[in-house]
Each structure stands twice: as structure tokens, then as C-alpha cells.
Amino acid sequence: MDVYQPLHCDLHDYLEIACTYRYGLRIELRNGLVFEAAAVTTHTRRNAQGNLEEFLEVQVEGASRELRLDRLRAITPVVAEARFGRVVLNPA
């Protein structure tokens, strides 16, 4: 079973900013996959065991995708006016 590891509270602010401004992001996953997507929103839901998990919803090529926060390695805004640079959410 893949037990969810909560993201440090201070790091949530970066995700909220990205969603508020709908930043395009370069997203690095812990499994090595890297892609660009637009940040939409964050949300929480219970898994099959009843435990809470947090997600970042993004738009990738017109399709919505949910990314579990503990599977994100880093995010980097790809817009010049961004309010932050690359943020490592979960070290490798």
C-alpha cells in the first residue's frame, strides 16, 4: 500500500498561488517524469482506507489530471510574471 505523506504546510502556499493565477507549471514528479501543465485547484479526499489525501488538479493538453501532492518533486512556473521560482516540494 502506498501511504500518503502530507506535504509540509509552508509549501501549500506555492500551490495556492499557482492555482489562483492559473500558472503554467513545469512539473517534476518523484518518478522522474517531467511535463508542463496549467494549475487549476487543490483538493482533499479520502482514499479507500478512509485516509485523507491531497491533490493538485492541472490541465494538460485540454484534459484534467489529478496529481497526488506527495508524488510531486518540484514545480517551476513557466510564466515571466510568476511570484516564485522553482520550489522543491518533496526531495528525491
N, C-alpha and C. Protein backbone atom coordinates (compact mmCIF):
# COMPACT_ATOMS: atom_id res chain seq x y z
N MET A 1 0.84 -1.19 0.00
CA MET A 1 0.00 0.00 0.00
C MET A 1 0.89 1.25 0.00
N ASP A 2 0.51 2.23 -0.77
CA ASP A 2 1.23 3.48 -0.92
C ASP A 2 0.62 4.50 0.04
N VAL A 3 1.20 4.65 1.24
CA VAL A 3 0.66 5.52 2.27
C VAL A 3 0.97 6.98 1.94
N TYR A 4 -0.04 7.81 1.97
CA TYR A 4 0.11 9.23 1.67
C TYR A 4 0.97 9.93 2.72
N GLN A 5 1.92 10.73 2.25
CA GLN A 5 2.78 11.53 3.13
C GLN A 5 2.41 12.99 2.92
N PRO A 6 1.81 13.65 3.92
CA PRO A 6 1.38 15.04 3.76
C PRO A 6 2.53 15.97 3.40
N LEU A 7 2.20 16.96 2.59
CA LEU A 7 3.14 18.00 2.20
C LEU A 7 3.31 18.97 3.37
N HIS A 8 4.51 19.48 3.56
CA HIS A 8 4.76 20.46 4.62
C HIS A 8 3.85 21.67 4.39
N CYS A 9 3.24 22.16 5.44
CA CYS A 9 2.24 23.24 5.36
C CYS A 9 2.74 24.48 4.61
N ASP A 10 3.98 24.89 4.83
CA ASP A 10 4.52 26.09 4.18
C ASP A 10 4.51 25.97 2.66
N LEU A 11 4.60 24.76 2.13
CA LEU A 11 4.67 24.56 0.69
C LEU A 11 3.32 24.68 0.00
N HIS A 12 2.24 24.55 0.75
CA HIS A 12 0.90 24.68 0.18
C HIS A 12 0.68 26.07 -0.42
N ASP A 13 1.30 27.09 0.17
CA ASP A 13 1.14 28.46 -0.33
C ASP A 13 1.53 28.58 -1.79
N TYR A 14 2.61 27.92 -2.18
CA TYR A 14 3.06 27.98 -3.58
C TYR A 14 2.02 27.36 -4.52
N LEU A 15 1.44 26.27 -4.10
CA LEU A 15 0.41 25.63 -4.93
C LEU A 15 -0.83 26.51 -5.04
N GLU A 16 -1.20 27.15 -3.94
CA GLU A 16 -2.38 28.03 -3.96
C GLU A 16 -2.15 29.24 -4.86
N ILE A 17 -0.94 29.81 -4.80
CA ILE A 17 -0.61 30.93 -5.69
C ILE A 17 -0.68 30.48 -7.14
N ALA A 18 -0.09 29.33 -7.43
CA ALA A 18 -0.10 28.80 -8.80
C ALA A 18 -1.53 28.60 -9.30
N CYS A 19 -2.41 28.10 -8.45
CA CYS A 19 -3.81 27.88 -8.84
C CYS A 19 -4.57 29.20 -8.98
N THR A 20 -4.36 30.11 -8.06
CA THR A 20 -5.05 31.40 -8.10
C THR A 20 -4.78 32.13 -9.41
N TYR A 21 -3.53 32.10 -9.85
CA TYR A 21 -3.14 32.81 -11.06
C TYR A 21 -3.11 31.90 -12.30
N ARG A 22 -3.51 30.64 -12.11
CA ARG A 22 -3.54 29.66 -13.21
C ARG A 22 -2.21 29.59 -13.95
N TYR A 23 -1.13 29.55 -13.17
CA TYR A 23 0.21 29.48 -13.76
C TYR A 23 0.37 28.22 -14.59
N GLY A 24 1.08 28.38 -15.67
CA GLY A 24 1.63 27.22 -16.35
C GLY A 24 2.81 26.77 -15.52
N LEU A 25 2.93 25.48 -15.28
CA LEU A 25 4.00 24.95 -14.44
C LEU A 25 4.79 23.87 -15.16
N ARG A 26 6.08 23.85 -14.89
CA ARG A 26 6.90 22.70 -15.24
C ARG A 26 6.83 21.82 -13.99
N ILE A 27 6.27 20.63 -14.14
CA ILE A 27 6.04 19.74 -13.01
C ILE A 27 7.00 18.56 -13.08
N GLU A 28 7.72 18.36 -11.99
CA GLU A 28 8.63 17.23 -11.88
C GLU A 28 8.04 16.25 -10.87
N LEU A 29 7.81 15.03 -11.30
CA LEU A 29 7.30 14.00 -10.39
C LEU A 29 8.47 13.23 -9.78
N ARG A 30 8.22 12.61 -8.67
CA ARG A 30 9.27 11.86 -7.97
C ARG A 30 9.73 10.65 -8.77
N ASN A 31 8.90 10.17 -9.71
CA ASN A 31 9.28 9.03 -10.53
C ASN A 31 10.13 9.43 -11.74
N GLY A 32 10.45 10.74 -11.85
CA GLY A 32 11.31 11.22 -12.92
C GLY A 32 10.59 11.85 -14.10
N LEU A 33 9.28 11.68 -14.20
CA LEU A 33 8.51 12.27 -15.29
C LEU A 33 8.47 13.79 -15.13
N VAL A 34 8.65 14.52 -16.23
CA VAL A 34 8.59 15.99 -16.24
C VAL A 34 7.67 16.41 -17.37
N PHE A 35 6.76 17.34 -17.08
CA PHE A 35 5.84 17.83 -18.10
C PHE A 35 5.34 19.21 -17.71
N GLU A 36 4.68 19.89 -18.66
CA GLU A 36 4.10 21.19 -18.38
C GLU A 36 2.58 21.07 -18.33
N ALA A 37 1.98 21.84 -17.41
CA ALA A 37 0.54 21.82 -17.23
C ALA A 37 0.13 23.13 -16.55
N ALA A 38 -1.15 23.46 -16.66
CA ALA A 38 -1.69 24.65 -16.01
C ALA A 38 -2.32 24.26 -14.67
N ALA A 39 -1.94 24.97 -13.61
CA ALA A 39 -2.50 24.72 -12.29
C ALA A 39 -3.96 25.16 -12.25
N VAL A 40 -4.84 24.35 -11.66
CA VAL A 40 -6.27 24.66 -11.59
C VAL A 40 -6.72 24.83 -10.14
N THR A 41 -6.56 23.81 -9.33
CA THR A 41 -7.02 23.86 -7.94
C THR A 41 -6.36 22.75 -7.13
N THR A 42 -6.49 22.83 -5.83
CA THR A 42 -6.09 21.74 -4.95
C THR A 42 -7.33 21.24 -4.23
N HIS A 43 -7.32 19.98 -3.85
CA HIS A 43 -8.42 19.45 -3.07
C HIS A 43 -7.97 18.23 -2.28
N THR A 44 -8.80 17.86 -1.34
CA THR A 44 -8.54 16.73 -0.46
C THR A 44 -9.68 15.74 -0.59
N ARG A 45 -9.37 14.46 -0.52
CA ARG A 45 -10.42 13.44 -0.50
C ARG A 45 -9.90 12.20 0.24
N ARG A 46 -10.83 11.37 0.63
CA ARG A 46 -10.49 10.14 1.35
C ARG A 46 -10.20 9.02 0.36
N ASN A 47 -9.18 8.22 0.67
CA ASN A 47 -8.87 7.06 -0.15
C ASN A 47 -9.73 5.87 0.30
N ALA A 48 -9.51 4.71 -0.27
CA ALA A 48 -10.30 3.52 0.03
C ALA A 48 -10.20 3.11 1.50
N GLN A 49 -9.10 3.45 2.15
CA GLN A 49 -8.91 3.12 3.57
C GLN A 49 -9.47 4.19 4.49
N GLY A 50 -10.02 5.27 3.92
CA GLY A 50 -10.60 6.34 4.72
C GLY A 50 -9.62 7.42 5.13
N ASN A 51 -8.38 7.36 4.64
CA ASN A 51 -7.37 8.36 4.97
C ASN A 51 -7.42 9.51 3.98
N LEU A 52 -7.14 10.72 4.45
CA LEU A 52 -7.13 11.90 3.58
C LEU A 52 -5.89 11.94 2.71
N GLU A 53 -6.10 12.32 1.45
CA GLU A 53 -5.01 12.55 0.51
C GLU A 53 -5.26 13.90 -0.16
N GLU A 54 -4.18 14.60 -0.51
CA GLU A 54 -4.29 15.92 -1.13
C GLU A 54 -3.81 15.84 -2.58
N PHE A 55 -4.48 16.62 -3.45
CA PHE A 55 -4.21 16.57 -4.88
C PHE A 55 -4.09 17.96 -5.47
N LEU A 56 -3.29 18.07 -6.53
CA LEU A 56 -3.23 19.25 -7.37
C LEU A 56 -3.91 18.87 -8.67
N GLU A 57 -4.93 19.64 -9.05
CA GLU A 57 -5.58 19.41 -10.34
C GLU A 57 -4.93 20.33 -11.35
N VAL A 58 -4.56 19.76 -12.49
CA VAL A 58 -3.93 20.53 -13.57
C VAL A 58 -4.63 20.23 -14.89
N GLN A 59 -4.41 21.11 -15.86
CA GLN A 59 -4.87 20.89 -17.23
C GLN A 59 -3.66 20.60 -18.09
N VAL A 60 -3.69 19.45 -18.76
CA VAL A 60 -2.62 19.03 -19.65
C VAL A 60 -3.22 18.77 -21.01
N GLU A 61 -2.87 19.58 -21.99
CA GLU A 61 -3.37 19.42 -23.36
C GLU A 61 -4.89 19.29 -23.38
N GLY A 62 -5.56 20.16 -22.60
CA GLY A 62 -7.02 20.19 -22.59
C GLY A 62 -7.70 19.17 -21.70
N ALA A 63 -6.93 18.30 -21.08
CA ALA A 63 -7.50 17.27 -20.20
C ALA A 63 -7.14 17.56 -18.75
N SER A 64 -8.06 17.27 -17.85
CA SER A 64 -7.83 17.45 -16.43
C SER A 64 -7.10 16.22 -15.87
N ARG A 65 -6.14 16.49 -14.98
CA ARG A 65 -5.38 15.40 -14.36
C ARG A 65 -5.17 15.74 -12.89
N GLU A 66 -5.29 14.76 -12.02
CA GLU A 66 -5.05 14.95 -10.59
C GLU A 66 -3.70 14.35 -10.24
N LEU A 67 -2.92 15.13 -9.49
CA LEU A 67 -1.61 14.68 -9.06
C LEU A 67 -1.57 14.67 -7.54
N ARG A 68 -1.32 13.51 -6.96
CA ARG A 68 -1.22 13.43 -5.50
C ARG A 68 0.01 14.21 -5.06
N LEU A 69 -0.14 15.08 -4.07
CA LEU A 69 0.92 16.02 -3.70
C LEU A 69 2.22 15.34 -3.28
N ASP A 70 2.15 14.19 -2.65
CA ASP A 70 3.39 13.54 -2.23
C ASP A 70 4.12 12.86 -3.38
N ARG A 71 3.55 12.90 -4.58
CA ARG A 71 4.22 12.36 -5.76
C ARG A 71 4.91 13.45 -6.57
N LEU A 72 4.71 14.72 -6.16
CA LEU A 72 5.37 15.85 -6.82
C LEU A 72 6.77 16.03 -6.24
N ARG A 73 7.75 16.21 -7.10
CA ARG A 73 9.10 16.52 -6.63
C ARG A 73 9.28 18.03 -6.58
N ALA A 74 8.92 18.73 -7.69
CA ALA A 74 9.12 20.18 -7.75
C ALA A 74 8.16 20.79 -8.77
N ILE A 75 7.92 22.09 -8.60
CA ILE A 75 7.15 22.86 -9.57
C ILE A 75 7.94 24.12 -9.91
N THR A 76 7.86 24.53 -11.17
CA THR A 76 8.51 25.75 -11.63
C THR A 76 7.54 26.50 -12.53
N PRO A 77 7.16 27.71 -12.19
CA PRO A 77 6.30 28.48 -13.09
C PRO A 77 7.01 28.74 -14.41
N VAL A 78 6.26 28.69 -15.50
CA VAL A 78 6.84 28.94 -16.82
C VAL A 78 6.34 30.28 -17.38
N VAL A 79 5.89 31.15 -16.48
CA VAL A 79 5.44 32.49 -16.87
C VAL A 79 6.37 33.52 -16.25
N ALA A 80 6.69 34.55 -17.01
CA ALA A 80 7.65 35.56 -16.57
C ALA A 80 7.20 36.32 -15.32
N GLU A 81 5.90 36.54 -15.19
CA GLU A 81 5.39 37.34 -14.07
C GLU A 81 5.14 36.53 -12.79
N ALA A 82 5.62 35.32 -12.73
CA ALA A 82 5.39 34.45 -11.57
C ALA A 82 5.92 35.07 -10.28
N ARG A 83 5.26 34.77 -9.18
CA ARG A 83 5.63 35.31 -7.87
C ARG A 83 6.62 34.43 -7.12
N PHE A 84 7.04 33.34 -7.74
CA PHE A 84 8.05 32.46 -7.14
C PHE A 84 8.76 31.71 -8.25
N GLY A 85 9.89 31.12 -7.92
CA GLY A 85 10.66 30.31 -8.88
C GLY A 85 10.45 28.83 -8.60
N ARG A 86 11.44 28.03 -8.92
CA ARG A 86 11.36 26.58 -8.70
C ARG A 86 11.23 26.30 -7.20
N VAL A 87 10.28 25.43 -6.87
CA VAL A 87 10.05 25.04 -5.48
C VAL A 87 10.12 23.52 -5.40
N VAL A 88 11.02 23.01 -4.56
CA VAL A 88 11.11 21.57 -4.34
C VAL A 88 10.10 21.23 -3.24
N LEU A 89 9.14 20.39 -3.58
CA LEU A 89 8.08 20.02 -2.64
C LEU A 89 8.44 18.76 -1.87
N ASN A 90 9.05 17.82 -2.54
CA ASN A 90 9.44 16.55 -1.93
C ASN A 90 10.80 16.16 -2.49
N PRO A 91 11.86 16.23 -1.69
CA PRO A 91 13.18 15.82 -2.18
C PRO A 91 13.14 14.36 -2.65
N ALA A 92 13.98 14.05 -3.60
CA ALA A 92 14.00 12.70 -4.20
C ALA A 92 14.32 11.61 -3.23
